[in-house]
Amino acid sequence: MGPYTISLVRLRIPSKARSAYNDAVLDYRKEKLAAALKHAEKALNIYPTFPDALLLRGVIRSKGPHPEEGEEDMRASLNLDPTFSLSYVVLANYYNASERFGDALKIMQQGIVCCSMSWKGYYELARAKLGMREYDAVLATIEQSEIADPTPQPLLHLIKGHALAGLKKYHAAIAELSSYLKGDPHGEGAEQTRLLLEQIRKMPSSEAGE
């Protein structure tokens, strides 16, 4: 599930629970969700207030027939350890994917301090603002992300391109969307991005100008 901030909550976790959680992570990365869920639940049986295991179980449950159970787990993880930066990002990702942009915005506004050195938190914050059509705010958020973590990230180009298109700055949008496809031609939203680029390029020059 990635790196996290060490807190007193996590320092108390027994080694057997950690071992079960590590097995769950390995299974999850191999897309063996049933096995990952089994190991996550084993970790929680040993130590019910294990934030990492709750978060992972929440992610798995959110993909199942009762996604609300996954949301409960993710929220419980965050409540147990408010310094756990990954829980903010994962929960915001869930809300953004569900088009609950207001909820995603609220979570990331609470957690951006914990995530301030990683582009992922800014990305989810920008996604929420994009969903709410706050295009200027999207651009400001991406600028903050690039200052905090200057490592090039194709997904930031994608979000920025959509925001610029929303502001009808089409030439700049083309540049950003093209940068995204160059950096990750088979990534998330690549096909939709190609369609958007095609639509913009077919626009009459009177409409496509900035």
N, C-alpha and C. Protein backbone atom coordinates (compact mmCIF):
# COMPACT_ATOMS: atom_id res chain seq x y z
N MET A 1 0.82 -1.21 0.00
CA MET A 1 0.00 0.00 0.00
C MET A 1 0.86 1.26 0.00
N GLY A 2 2.16 1.14 0.17
CA GLY A 2 3.01 2.31 0.06
C GLY A 2 3.52 2.79 1.40
N PRO A 3 4.35 3.85 1.40
CA PRO A 3 4.96 4.35 2.63
C PRO A 3 3.96 5.08 3.50
N TYR A 4 4.27 5.20 4.78
CA TYR A 4 3.38 5.92 5.69
C TYR A 4 4.19 6.54 6.80
N THR A 5 3.56 7.40 7.55
CA THR A 5 4.19 8.06 8.67
C THR A 5 4.06 7.18 9.91
N ILE A 6 5.16 6.94 10.62
CA ILE A 6 5.11 6.14 11.83
C ILE A 6 4.45 6.94 12.95
N SER A 7 3.50 6.34 13.63
CA SER A 7 2.82 6.99 14.74
C SER A 7 2.79 6.02 15.92
N LEU A 8 2.40 6.54 17.09
CA LEU A 8 2.29 5.70 18.28
C LEU A 8 1.28 4.58 18.07
N VAL A 9 0.22 4.87 17.33
CA VAL A 9 -0.80 3.84 17.05
C VAL A 9 -0.15 2.64 16.37
N ARG A 10 0.70 2.91 15.39
CA ARG A 10 1.29 1.83 14.61
C ARG A 10 2.43 1.12 15.35
N LEU A 11 3.09 1.83 16.22
CA LEU A 11 4.20 1.23 16.96
C LEU A 11 3.74 0.11 17.89
N ARG A 12 2.47 0.11 18.25
CA ARG A 12 1.94 -0.91 19.16
C ARG A 12 1.52 -2.19 18.44
N ILE A 13 1.58 -2.23 17.13
CA ILE A 13 1.05 -3.35 16.37
C ILE A 13 1.95 -4.58 16.54
N PRO A 14 1.38 -5.73 16.93
CA PRO A 14 2.18 -6.96 17.12
C PRO A 14 2.79 -7.44 15.81
N SER A 15 3.89 -8.14 15.92
CA SER A 15 4.61 -8.62 14.74
C SER A 15 3.77 -9.59 13.91
N LYS A 16 2.95 -10.41 14.57
CA LYS A 16 2.12 -11.37 13.83
C LYS A 16 1.09 -10.64 12.96
N ALA A 17 0.56 -9.54 13.47
CA ALA A 17 -0.39 -8.76 12.68
C ALA A 17 0.31 -8.11 11.50
N ARG A 18 1.52 -7.62 11.73
CA ARG A 18 2.30 -7.02 10.64
C ARG A 18 2.60 -8.05 9.56
N SER A 19 2.94 -9.25 9.98
CA SER A 19 3.25 -10.30 9.02
C SER A 19 2.04 -10.64 8.16
N ALA A 20 0.88 -10.75 8.78
CA ALA A 20 -0.35 -11.05 8.03
C ALA A 20 -0.67 -9.92 7.06
N TYR A 21 -0.46 -8.68 7.52
CA TYR A 21 -0.71 -7.53 6.65
C TYR A 21 0.24 -7.53 5.46
N ASN A 22 1.52 -7.84 5.70
CA ASN A 22 2.48 -7.89 4.60
C ASN A 22 2.09 -8.94 3.56
N ASP A 23 1.56 -10.06 4.04
CA ASP A 23 1.07 -11.09 3.11
C ASP A 23 -0.12 -10.55 2.31
N ALA A 24 -0.97 -9.79 2.97
CA ALA A 24 -2.13 -9.20 2.29
C ALA A 24 -1.68 -8.24 1.18
N VAL A 25 -0.68 -7.44 1.48
CA VAL A 25 -0.16 -6.49 0.48
C VAL A 25 0.40 -7.23 -0.73
N LEU A 26 1.16 -8.29 -0.48
CA LEU A 26 1.73 -9.07 -1.57
C LEU A 26 0.63 -9.66 -2.45
N ASP A 27 -0.40 -10.19 -1.82
CA ASP A 27 -1.52 -10.77 -2.58
C ASP A 27 -2.25 -9.68 -3.36
N TYR A 28 -2.43 -8.53 -2.75
CA TYR A 28 -3.13 -7.43 -3.42
C TYR A 28 -2.37 -6.98 -4.66
N ARG A 29 -1.07 -6.88 -4.55
CA ARG A 29 -0.25 -6.46 -5.69
C ARG A 29 -0.29 -7.48 -6.82
N LYS A 30 -0.56 -8.73 -6.48
CA LYS A 30 -0.69 -9.79 -7.50
C LYS A 30 -2.14 -9.91 -7.97
N GLU A 31 -3.00 -9.00 -7.48
CA GLU A 31 -4.43 -8.97 -7.83
C GLU A 31 -5.17 -10.22 -7.35
N LYS A 32 -4.66 -10.83 -6.27
CA LYS A 32 -5.35 -11.95 -5.63
C LYS A 32 -6.18 -11.38 -4.49
N LEU A 33 -7.33 -10.82 -4.85
CA LEU A 33 -8.10 -10.04 -3.87
C LEU A 33 -8.69 -10.90 -2.75
N ALA A 34 -9.14 -12.10 -3.07
CA ALA A 34 -9.71 -12.96 -2.03
C ALA A 34 -8.65 -13.32 -0.99
N ALA A 35 -7.46 -13.66 -1.45
CA ALA A 35 -6.37 -14.00 -0.53
C ALA A 35 -5.93 -12.77 0.25
N ALA A 36 -5.89 -11.62 -0.41
CA ALA A 36 -5.50 -10.38 0.27
C ALA A 36 -6.50 -10.03 1.36
N LEU A 37 -7.78 -10.21 1.06
CA LEU A 37 -8.82 -9.93 2.06
C LEU A 37 -8.68 -10.87 3.26
N LYS A 38 -8.41 -12.13 2.99
CA LYS A 38 -8.25 -13.12 4.06
C LYS A 38 -7.10 -12.72 4.99
N HIS A 39 -5.98 -12.32 4.42
CA HIS A 39 -4.82 -11.96 5.25
C HIS A 39 -5.05 -10.63 5.97
N ALA A 40 -5.73 -9.70 5.32
CA ALA A 40 -6.04 -8.43 6.00
C ALA A 40 -6.93 -8.67 7.21
N GLU A 41 -7.91 -9.55 7.05
CA GLU A 41 -8.81 -9.86 8.15
C GLU A 41 -8.09 -10.63 9.25
N LYS A 42 -7.12 -11.44 8.87
CA LYS A 42 -6.30 -12.13 9.88
C LYS A 42 -5.53 -11.10 10.71
N ALA A 43 -4.97 -10.11 10.04
CA ALA A 43 -4.24 -9.06 10.76
C ALA A 43 -5.16 -8.31 11.71
N LEU A 44 -6.38 -8.07 11.27
CA LEU A 44 -7.34 -7.33 12.10
C LEU A 44 -7.87 -8.19 13.24
N ASN A 45 -7.95 -9.49 13.05
CA ASN A 45 -8.34 -10.38 14.15
C ASN A 45 -7.28 -10.35 15.26
N ILE A 46 -6.02 -10.23 14.85
CA ILE A 46 -4.94 -10.15 15.83
C ILE A 46 -4.91 -8.78 16.50
N TYR A 47 -5.12 -7.74 15.70
CA TYR A 47 -5.04 -6.37 16.22
C TYR A 47 -6.10 -5.52 15.51
N PRO A 48 -7.30 -5.42 16.08
CA PRO A 48 -8.44 -4.77 15.40
C PRO A 48 -8.24 -3.30 15.04
N THR A 49 -7.31 -2.63 15.72
CA THR A 49 -7.10 -1.21 15.44
C THR A 49 -5.81 -0.98 14.64
N PHE A 50 -5.63 -1.78 13.61
CA PHE A 50 -4.47 -1.72 12.71
C PHE A 50 -4.86 -0.84 11.52
N PRO A 51 -4.44 0.42 11.47
CA PRO A 51 -4.90 1.34 10.41
C PRO A 51 -4.61 0.85 9.00
N ASP A 52 -3.41 0.31 8.79
CA ASP A 52 -3.01 -0.13 7.45
C ASP A 52 -3.90 -1.27 6.96
N ALA A 53 -4.15 -2.24 7.84
CA ALA A 53 -4.98 -3.38 7.47
C ALA A 53 -6.42 -2.95 7.21
N LEU A 54 -6.91 -2.03 8.01
CA LEU A 54 -8.26 -1.51 7.78
C LEU A 54 -8.35 -0.81 6.43
N LEU A 55 -7.33 -0.04 6.10
CA LEU A 55 -7.33 0.68 4.83
C LEU A 55 -7.31 -0.30 3.66
N LEU A 56 -6.46 -1.31 3.74
CA LEU A 56 -6.39 -2.29 2.66
C LEU A 56 -7.69 -3.07 2.54
N ARG A 57 -8.26 -3.48 3.67
CA ARG A 57 -9.55 -4.18 3.60
C ARG A 57 -10.61 -3.27 2.99
N GLY A 58 -10.54 -1.99 3.33
CA GLY A 58 -11.49 -1.04 2.77
C GLY A 58 -11.38 -0.93 1.27
N VAL A 59 -10.15 -0.88 0.77
CA VAL A 59 -9.94 -0.81 -0.68
C VAL A 59 -10.53 -2.04 -1.36
N ILE A 60 -10.27 -3.20 -0.79
CA ILE A 60 -10.78 -4.45 -1.38
C ILE A 60 -12.31 -4.49 -1.33
N ARG A 61 -12.87 -4.15 -0.19
CA ARG A 61 -14.33 -4.17 -0.05
C ARG A 61 -15.00 -3.15 -0.98
N SER A 62 -14.32 -2.04 -1.22
CA SER A 62 -14.92 -1.01 -2.07
C SER A 62 -15.08 -1.48 -3.51
N LYS A 63 -14.38 -2.56 -3.87
CA LYS A 63 -14.48 -3.11 -5.21
C LYS A 63 -15.55 -4.20 -5.30
N GLY A 64 -16.15 -4.54 -4.16
CA GLY A 64 -17.12 -5.62 -4.10
C GLY A 64 -18.57 -5.15 -4.18
N PRO A 65 -19.50 -6.04 -3.85
CA PRO A 65 -20.93 -5.71 -3.98
C PRO A 65 -21.43 -4.71 -2.94
N HIS A 66 -20.67 -4.50 -1.87
CA HIS A 66 -21.08 -3.56 -0.82
C HIS A 66 -19.97 -2.54 -0.57
N PRO A 67 -19.79 -1.62 -1.51
CA PRO A 67 -18.68 -0.66 -1.39
C PRO A 67 -18.77 0.23 -0.16
N GLU A 68 -19.99 0.37 0.38
CA GLU A 68 -20.13 1.20 1.59
C GLU A 68 -19.35 0.60 2.76
N GLU A 69 -19.19 -0.73 2.79
CA GLU A 69 -18.39 -1.36 3.84
C GLU A 69 -16.92 -0.97 3.69
N GLY A 70 -16.46 -0.85 2.45
CA GLY A 70 -15.10 -0.40 2.22
C GLY A 70 -14.90 1.03 2.67
N GLU A 71 -15.89 1.87 2.41
CA GLU A 71 -15.80 3.26 2.87
C GLU A 71 -15.72 3.33 4.39
N GLU A 72 -16.48 2.51 5.07
CA GLU A 72 -16.44 2.48 6.54
C GLU A 72 -15.04 2.11 7.04
N ASP A 73 -14.43 1.11 6.40
CA ASP A 73 -13.08 0.71 6.79
C ASP A 73 -12.08 1.83 6.56
N MET A 74 -12.17 2.47 5.41
CA MET A 74 -11.23 3.55 5.09
C MET A 74 -11.37 4.71 6.07
N ARG A 75 -12.60 5.03 6.41
CA ARG A 75 -12.83 6.10 7.39
C ARG A 75 -12.33 5.69 8.78
N ALA A 76 -12.52 4.43 9.13
CA ALA A 76 -12.05 3.94 10.43
C ALA A 76 -10.53 4.03 10.50
N SER A 77 -9.86 3.69 9.41
CA SER A 77 -8.41 3.79 9.35
C SER A 77 -7.94 5.22 9.59
N LEU A 78 -8.63 6.15 8.97
CA LEU A 78 -8.28 7.57 9.12
C LEU A 78 -8.53 8.06 10.54
N ASN A 79 -9.62 7.61 11.12
CA ASN A 79 -9.95 8.03 12.49
C ASN A 79 -8.95 7.48 13.50
N LEU A 80 -8.44 6.26 13.25
CA LEU A 80 -7.47 5.66 14.15
C LEU A 80 -6.14 6.39 14.13
N ASP A 81 -5.75 6.85 12.94
CA ASP A 81 -4.46 7.52 12.81
C ASP A 81 -4.57 8.68 11.83
N PRO A 82 -4.91 9.87 12.32
CA PRO A 82 -5.06 11.04 11.44
C PRO A 82 -3.76 11.50 10.79
N THR A 83 -2.62 10.92 11.17
CA THR A 83 -1.35 11.27 10.53
C THR A 83 -1.03 10.34 9.35
N PHE A 84 -1.87 9.36 9.10
CA PHE A 84 -1.64 8.36 8.07
C PHE A 84 -2.00 8.96 6.71
N SER A 85 -1.01 9.51 6.02
CA SER A 85 -1.27 10.29 4.80
C SER A 85 -1.95 9.47 3.71
N LEU A 86 -1.57 8.20 3.59
CA LEU A 86 -2.13 7.37 2.53
C LEU A 86 -3.64 7.20 2.67
N SER A 87 -4.16 7.20 3.88
CA SER A 87 -5.59 7.01 4.06
C SER A 87 -6.39 8.18 3.48
N TYR A 88 -5.84 9.39 3.56
CA TYR A 88 -6.52 10.54 2.95
C TYR A 88 -6.57 10.36 1.43
N VAL A 89 -5.44 9.98 0.85
CA VAL A 89 -5.36 9.84 -0.60
C VAL A 89 -6.29 8.74 -1.10
N VAL A 90 -6.27 7.61 -0.41
CA VAL A 90 -7.10 6.47 -0.83
C VAL A 90 -8.58 6.78 -0.70
N LEU A 91 -8.97 7.41 0.39
CA LEU A 91 -10.38 7.74 0.57
C LEU A 91 -10.83 8.79 -0.45
N ALA A 92 -9.98 9.79 -0.69
CA ALA A 92 -10.32 10.80 -1.69
C ALA A 92 -10.42 10.17 -3.08
N ASN A 93 -9.53 9.23 -3.38
CA ASN A 93 -9.59 8.52 -4.66
C ASN A 93 -10.92 7.79 -4.81
N TYR A 94 -11.35 7.15 -3.74
CA TYR A 94 -12.63 6.44 -3.76
C TYR A 94 -13.77 7.41 -4.04
N TYR A 95 -13.77 8.55 -3.36
CA TYR A 95 -14.83 9.53 -3.57
C TYR A 95 -14.79 10.12 -4.97
N ASN A 96 -13.61 10.44 -5.46
CA ASN A 96 -13.50 10.99 -6.81
C ASN A 96 -14.00 9.99 -7.85
N ALA A 97 -13.61 8.72 -7.68
CA ALA A 97 -14.04 7.68 -8.62
C ALA A 97 -15.56 7.51 -8.59
N SER A 98 -16.16 7.81 -7.43
CA SER A 98 -17.62 7.69 -7.27
C SER A 98 -18.33 9.01 -7.62
N GLU A 99 -17.56 10.00 -8.10
CA GLU A 99 -18.06 11.33 -8.44
C GLU A 99 -18.67 12.04 -7.24
N ARG A 100 -18.16 11.72 -6.08
CA ARG A 100 -18.54 12.44 -4.84
C ARG A 100 -17.46 13.49 -4.58
N PHE A 101 -17.42 14.46 -5.46
CA PHE A 101 -16.31 15.40 -5.47
C PHE A 101 -16.27 16.28 -4.22
N GLY A 102 -17.42 16.62 -3.69
CA GLY A 102 -17.45 17.42 -2.47
C GLY A 102 -16.84 16.68 -1.29
N ASP A 103 -17.13 15.38 -1.20
CA ASP A 103 -16.54 14.57 -0.13
C ASP A 103 -15.02 14.44 -0.31
N ALA A 104 -14.59 14.24 -1.55
CA ALA A 104 -13.15 14.14 -1.82
C ALA A 104 -12.45 15.45 -1.48
N LEU A 105 -13.08 16.56 -1.83
CA LEU A 105 -12.49 17.87 -1.53
C LEU A 105 -12.34 18.07 -0.03
N LYS A 106 -13.37 17.70 0.71
CA LYS A 106 -13.33 17.87 2.16
C LYS A 106 -12.23 17.03 2.79
N ILE A 107 -12.10 15.79 2.35
CA ILE A 107 -11.07 14.91 2.90
C ILE A 107 -9.68 15.44 2.61
N MET A 108 -9.44 15.88 1.38
CA MET A 108 -8.10 16.34 1.04
C MET A 108 -7.78 17.70 1.63
N GLN A 109 -8.78 18.52 1.86
CA GLN A 109 -8.53 19.78 2.56
C GLN A 109 -8.09 19.51 4.00
N GLN A 110 -8.64 18.44 4.59
CA GLN A 110 -8.23 18.05 5.93
C GLN A 110 -6.83 17.44 5.94
N GLY A 111 -6.51 16.69 4.88
CA GLY A 111 -5.30 15.89 4.91
C GLY A 111 -4.13 16.42 4.11
N ILE A 112 -4.28 17.54 3.41
CA ILE A 112 -3.21 17.98 2.53
C ILE A 112 -1.94 18.31 3.30
N VAL A 113 -2.05 18.71 4.55
CA VAL A 113 -0.84 18.97 5.33
C VAL A 113 -0.02 17.69 5.49
N CYS A 114 -0.71 16.57 5.74
CA CYS A 114 -0.02 15.28 5.88
C CYS A 114 0.57 14.81 4.55
N CYS A 115 -0.03 15.26 3.45
CA CYS A 115 0.37 14.79 2.12
C CYS A 115 1.16 15.85 1.35
N SER A 116 1.61 16.88 2.04
CA SER A 116 2.13 18.07 1.36
C SER A 116 3.41 17.83 0.57
N MET A 117 4.10 16.73 0.81
CA MET A 117 5.35 16.46 0.09
C MET A 117 5.16 15.45 -1.04
N SER A 118 3.94 15.03 -1.28
CA SER A 118 3.67 14.04 -2.32
C SER A 118 2.67 14.59 -3.33
N TRP A 119 2.91 14.33 -4.60
CA TRP A 119 2.02 14.80 -5.64
C TRP A 119 0.66 14.11 -5.58
N LYS A 120 0.58 12.93 -4.98
CA LYS A 120 -0.67 12.17 -5.01
C LYS A 120 -1.81 12.88 -4.28
N GLY A 121 -1.49 13.51 -3.15
CA GLY A 121 -2.51 14.25 -2.43
C GLY A 121 -3.01 15.43 -3.23
N TYR A 122 -2.11 16.16 -3.84
CA TYR A 122 -2.50 17.30 -4.68
C TYR A 122 -3.31 16.83 -5.90
N TYR A 123 -2.94 15.67 -6.42
CA TYR A 123 -3.66 15.13 -7.57
C TYR A 123 -5.13 14.86 -7.22
N GLU A 124 -5.36 14.19 -6.08
CA GLU A 124 -6.74 13.92 -5.69
C GLU A 124 -7.50 15.21 -5.37
N LEU A 125 -6.80 16.18 -4.77
CA LEU A 125 -7.42 17.48 -4.50
C LEU A 125 -7.79 18.16 -5.82
N ALA A 126 -6.89 18.12 -6.80
CA ALA A 126 -7.17 18.72 -8.09
C ALA A 126 -8.31 17.99 -8.81
N ARG A 127 -8.35 16.66 -8.70
CA ARG A 127 -9.46 15.89 -9.30
C ARG A 127 -10.81 16.33 -8.74
N ALA A 128 -10.84 16.53 -7.43
CA ALA A 128 -12.09 16.95 -6.79
C ALA A 128 -12.52 18.33 -7.31
N LYS A 129 -11.56 19.23 -7.40
CA LYS A 129 -11.87 20.58 -7.89
C LYS A 129 -12.28 20.56 -9.36
N LEU A 130 -11.65 19.69 -10.14
CA LEU A 130 -12.04 19.54 -11.54
C LEU A 130 -13.48 19.04 -11.65
N GLY A 131 -13.81 18.06 -10.81
CA GLY A 131 -15.18 17.54 -10.82
C GLY A 131 -16.20 18.60 -10.46
N MET A 132 -15.79 19.58 -9.66
CA MET A 132 -16.67 20.67 -9.27
C MET A 132 -16.55 21.88 -10.22
N ARG A 133 -15.77 21.69 -11.28
CA ARG A 133 -15.58 22.71 -12.32
C ARG A 133 -14.94 23.99 -11.79
N GLU A 134 -14.08 23.82 -10.81
CA GLU A 134 -13.32 24.96 -10.28
C GLU A 134 -11.96 24.98 -10.97
N TYR A 135 -11.98 25.38 -12.23
CA TYR A 135 -10.81 25.19 -13.10
C TYR A 135 -9.59 25.99 -12.66
N ASP A 136 -9.80 27.24 -12.28
CA ASP A 136 -8.66 28.04 -11.81
C ASP A 136 -8.04 27.44 -10.55
N ALA A 137 -8.90 26.90 -9.68
CA ALA A 137 -8.40 26.26 -8.45
C ALA A 137 -7.62 25.00 -8.77
N VAL A 138 -8.02 24.29 -9.82
CA VAL A 138 -7.27 23.11 -10.25
C VAL A 138 -5.84 23.50 -10.64
N LEU A 139 -5.72 24.55 -11.43
CA LEU A 139 -4.40 24.99 -11.88
C LEU A 139 -3.53 25.43 -10.71
N ALA A 140 -4.13 26.11 -9.74
CA ALA A 140 -3.38 26.55 -8.56
C ALA A 140 -2.90 25.35 -7.74
N THR A 141 -3.74 24.32 -7.64
CA THR A 141 -3.37 23.11 -6.89
C THR A 141 -2.23 22.38 -7.57
N ILE A 142 -2.28 22.28 -8.88
CA ILE A 142 -1.20 21.61 -9.61
C ILE A 142 0.11 22.38 -9.47
N GLU A 143 0.02 23.69 -9.47
CA GLU A 143 1.22 24.50 -9.27
C GLU A 143 1.83 24.22 -7.89
N GLN A 144 0.99 24.09 -6.87
CA GLN A 144 1.48 23.74 -5.54
C GLN A 144 2.15 22.37 -5.56
N SER A 145 1.56 21.43 -6.27
CA SER A 145 2.11 20.08 -6.35
C SER A 145 3.49 20.10 -7.00
N GLU A 146 3.63 20.86 -8.06
CA GLU A 146 4.91 20.90 -8.78
C GLU A 146 6.01 21.56 -7.94
N ILE A 147 5.62 22.46 -7.05
CA ILE A 147 6.59 23.06 -6.13
C ILE A 147 7.01 22.04 -5.07
N ALA A 148 6.02 21.32 -4.52
CA ALA A 148 6.30 20.36 -3.46
C ALA A 148 7.07 19.15 -3.97
N ASP A 149 6.71 18.68 -5.17
CA ASP A 149 7.33 17.48 -5.73
C ASP A 149 7.53 17.72 -7.23
N PRO A 150 8.70 18.22 -7.63
CA PRO A 150 8.92 18.59 -9.03
C PRO A 150 9.10 17.43 -10.00
N THR A 151 9.08 16.20 -9.50
CA THR A 151 9.21 15.04 -10.38
C THR A 151 8.05 15.02 -11.38
N PRO A 152 8.32 14.95 -12.69
CA PRO A 152 7.24 14.96 -13.68
C PRO A 152 6.24 13.82 -13.45
N GLN A 153 4.95 14.17 -13.49
CA GLN A 153 3.89 13.19 -13.28
C GLN A 153 2.86 13.33 -14.40
N PRO A 154 2.74 12.33 -15.28
CA PRO A 154 1.80 12.43 -16.39
C PRO A 154 0.36 12.76 -15.98
N LEU A 155 -0.09 12.21 -14.87
CA LEU A 155 -1.48 12.45 -14.46
C LEU A 155 -1.75 13.92 -14.14
N LEU A 156 -0.73 14.64 -13.70
CA LEU A 156 -0.92 16.07 -13.45
C LEU A 156 -1.13 16.81 -14.76
N HIS A 157 -0.45 16.39 -15.82
CA HIS A 157 -0.68 16.98 -17.14
C HIS A 157 -2.12 16.72 -17.60
N LEU A 158 -2.61 15.52 -17.29
CA LEU A 158 -3.98 15.16 -17.68
C LEU A 158 -5.00 16.08 -17.00
N ILE A 159 -4.87 16.24 -15.69
CA ILE A 159 -5.81 17.08 -14.95
C ILE A 159 -5.69 18.54 -15.41
N LYS A 160 -4.46 18.99 -15.59
CA LYS A 160 -4.23 20.38 -16.03
C LYS A 160 -4.83 20.61 -17.41
N GLY A 161 -4.68 19.63 -18.30
CA GLY A 161 -5.24 19.75 -19.64
C GLY A 161 -6.75 19.88 -19.62
N HIS A 162 -7.41 19.08 -18.79
CA HIS A 162 -8.86 19.16 -18.68
C HIS A 162 -9.30 20.51 -18.11
N ALA A 163 -8.56 21.01 -17.13
CA ALA A 163 -8.90 22.31 -16.55
C ALA A 163 -8.74 23.43 -17.57
N LEU A 164 -7.67 23.39 -18.35
CA LEU A 164 -7.45 24.41 -19.38
C LEU A 164 -8.52 24.33 -20.46
N ALA A 165 -8.94 23.12 -20.80
CA ALA A 165 -10.04 22.97 -21.76
C ALA A 165 -11.32 23.56 -21.19
N GLY A 166 -11.54 23.35 -19.88
CA GLY A 166 -12.72 23.93 -19.24
C GLY A 166 -12.70 25.45 -19.26
N LEU A 167 -11.49 26.03 -19.24
CA LEU A 167 -11.34 27.49 -19.31
C LEU A 167 -11.28 27.98 -20.76
N LYS A 168 -11.43 27.05 -21.72
CA LYS A 168 -11.39 27.34 -23.15
C LYS A 168 -10.02 27.85 -23.60
N LYS A 169 -8.99 27.44 -22.90
CA LYS A 169 -7.61 27.74 -23.31
C LYS A 169 -7.10 26.51 -24.05
N TYR A 170 -7.59 26.36 -25.27
CA TYR A 170 -7.45 25.09 -25.96
C TYR A 170 -6.03 24.80 -26.42
N HIS A 171 -5.30 25.80 -26.85
CA HIS A 171 -3.93 25.55 -27.29
C HIS A 171 -3.08 25.01 -26.13
N ALA A 172 -3.23 25.63 -24.96
CA ALA A 172 -2.50 25.17 -23.77
C ALA A 172 -2.99 23.79 -23.35
N ALA A 173 -4.29 23.56 -23.51
CA ALA A 173 -4.86 22.24 -23.16
C ALA A 173 -4.27 21.15 -24.04
N ILE A 174 -4.13 21.44 -25.34
CA ILE A 174 -3.54 20.46 -26.26
C ILE A 174 -2.13 20.09 -25.82
N ALA A 175 -1.36 21.09 -25.43
CA ALA A 175 0.02 20.83 -25.01
C ALA A 175 0.07 19.93 -23.78
N GLU A 176 -0.81 20.19 -22.81
CA GLU A 176 -0.80 19.40 -21.57
C GLU A 176 -1.31 17.98 -21.82
N LEU A 177 -2.37 17.85 -22.59
CA LEU A 177 -2.92 16.52 -22.87
C LEU A 177 -1.94 15.70 -23.70
N SER A 178 -1.23 16.35 -24.61
CA SER A 178 -0.23 15.65 -25.41
C SER A 178 0.94 15.20 -24.53
N SER A 179 1.30 16.02 -23.55
CA SER A 179 2.37 15.65 -22.62
C SER A 179 1.97 14.44 -21.80
N TYR A 180 0.69 14.39 -21.43
CA TYR A 180 0.21 13.22 -20.68
C TYR A 180 0.36 11.95 -21.52
N LEU A 181 -0.10 12.01 -22.76
CA LEU A 181 -0.05 10.83 -23.62
C LEU A 181 1.39 10.42 -23.92
N LYS A 182 2.27 11.39 -24.04
CA LYS A 182 3.68 11.08 -24.27
C LYS A 182 4.29 10.38 -23.07
N GLY A 183 3.91 10.83 -21.87
CA GLY A 183 4.45 10.24 -20.65
C GLY A 183 3.84 8.92 -20.27
N ASP A 184 2.56 8.71 -20.64
CA ASP A 184 1.87 7.47 -20.25
C ASP A 184 0.83 7.13 -21.31
N PRO A 185 1.28 6.66 -22.49
CA PRO A 185 0.36 6.46 -23.62
C PRO A 185 -0.72 5.41 -23.41
N HIS A 186 -0.53 4.55 -22.44
CA HIS A 186 -1.52 3.49 -22.19
C HIS A 186 -2.12 3.62 -20.79
N GLY A 187 -2.00 4.78 -20.19
CA GLY A 187 -2.42 4.97 -18.80
C GLY A 187 -3.89 5.27 -18.64
N GLU A 188 -4.23 5.63 -17.40
CA GLU A 188 -5.59 5.95 -17.03
C GLU A 188 -6.15 7.09 -17.88
N GLY A 189 -7.25 6.84 -18.55
CA GLY A 189 -7.90 7.88 -19.34
C GLY A 189 -7.24 8.19 -20.66
N ALA A 190 -6.29 7.35 -21.13
CA ALA A 190 -5.57 7.65 -22.36
C ALA A 190 -6.50 7.71 -23.57
N GLU A 191 -7.41 6.75 -23.67
CA GLU A 191 -8.31 6.72 -24.81
C GLU A 191 -9.24 7.93 -24.82
N GLN A 192 -9.78 8.28 -23.64
CA GLN A 192 -10.64 9.46 -23.55
C GLN A 192 -9.88 10.73 -23.88
N THR A 193 -8.61 10.76 -23.50
CA THR A 193 -7.78 11.92 -23.79
C THR A 193 -7.56 12.08 -25.29
N ARG A 194 -7.34 10.98 -25.98
CA ARG A 194 -7.18 11.05 -27.43
C ARG A 194 -8.46 11.57 -28.10
N LEU A 195 -9.59 11.13 -27.59
CA LEU A 195 -10.86 11.61 -28.14
C LEU A 195 -11.04 13.10 -27.90
N LEU A 196 -10.69 13.55 -26.69
CA LEU A 196 -10.80 14.98 -26.37
C LEU A 196 -9.87 15.80 -27.27
N LEU A 197 -8.64 15.33 -27.45
CA LEU A 197 -7.71 16.04 -28.32
C LEU A 197 -8.25 16.12 -29.75
N GLU A 198 -8.83 15.04 -30.21
CA GLU A 198 -9.40 15.03 -31.56
C GLU A 198 -10.53 16.05 -31.68
N GLN A 199 -11.37 16.13 -30.66
CA GLN A 199 -12.48 17.09 -30.67
C GLN A 199 -11.97 18.52 -30.70
N ILE A 200 -10.96 18.80 -29.88
CA ILE A 200 -10.41 20.16 -29.82
C ILE A 200 -9.78 20.54 -31.15
N ARG A 201 -9.04 19.62 -31.74
CA ARG A 201 -8.34 19.92 -32.99
C ARG A 201 -9.30 20.10 -34.16
N LYS A 202 -10.50 19.54 -34.04
CA LYS A 202 -11.50 19.69 -35.10
C LYS A 202 -12.33 20.96 -34.95
N MET A 203 -12.14 21.66 -33.85
CA MET A 203 -12.91 22.88 -33.62
C MET A 203 -12.51 23.95 -34.62
N PRO A 204 -13.48 24.79 -35.06
CA PRO A 204 -13.14 25.92 -35.93
C PRO A 204 -12.12 26.82 -35.24
N SER A 205 -11.25 27.43 -36.01
CA SER A 205 -10.19 28.26 -35.44
C SER A 205 -10.76 29.39 -34.59
N SER A 206 -11.97 29.86 -34.91
CA SER A 206 -12.58 30.93 -34.14
C SER A 206 -12.93 30.50 -32.72
N GLU A 207 -13.17 29.17 -32.57
CA GLU A 207 -13.52 28.63 -31.25
C GLU A 207 -12.28 28.12 -30.52
N ALA A 208 -11.31 27.65 -31.27
CA ALA A 208 -10.14 27.03 -30.67
C ALA A 208 -9.11 28.05 -30.18
N GLY A 209 -9.23 29.28 -30.59
CA GLY A 209 -8.28 30.28 -30.16
C GLY A 209 -8.45 30.64 -28.72
N GLU A 210 -7.39 31.19 -28.12
CA GLU A 210 -7.43 31.57 -26.70
C GLU A 210 -7.68 33.05 -26.57
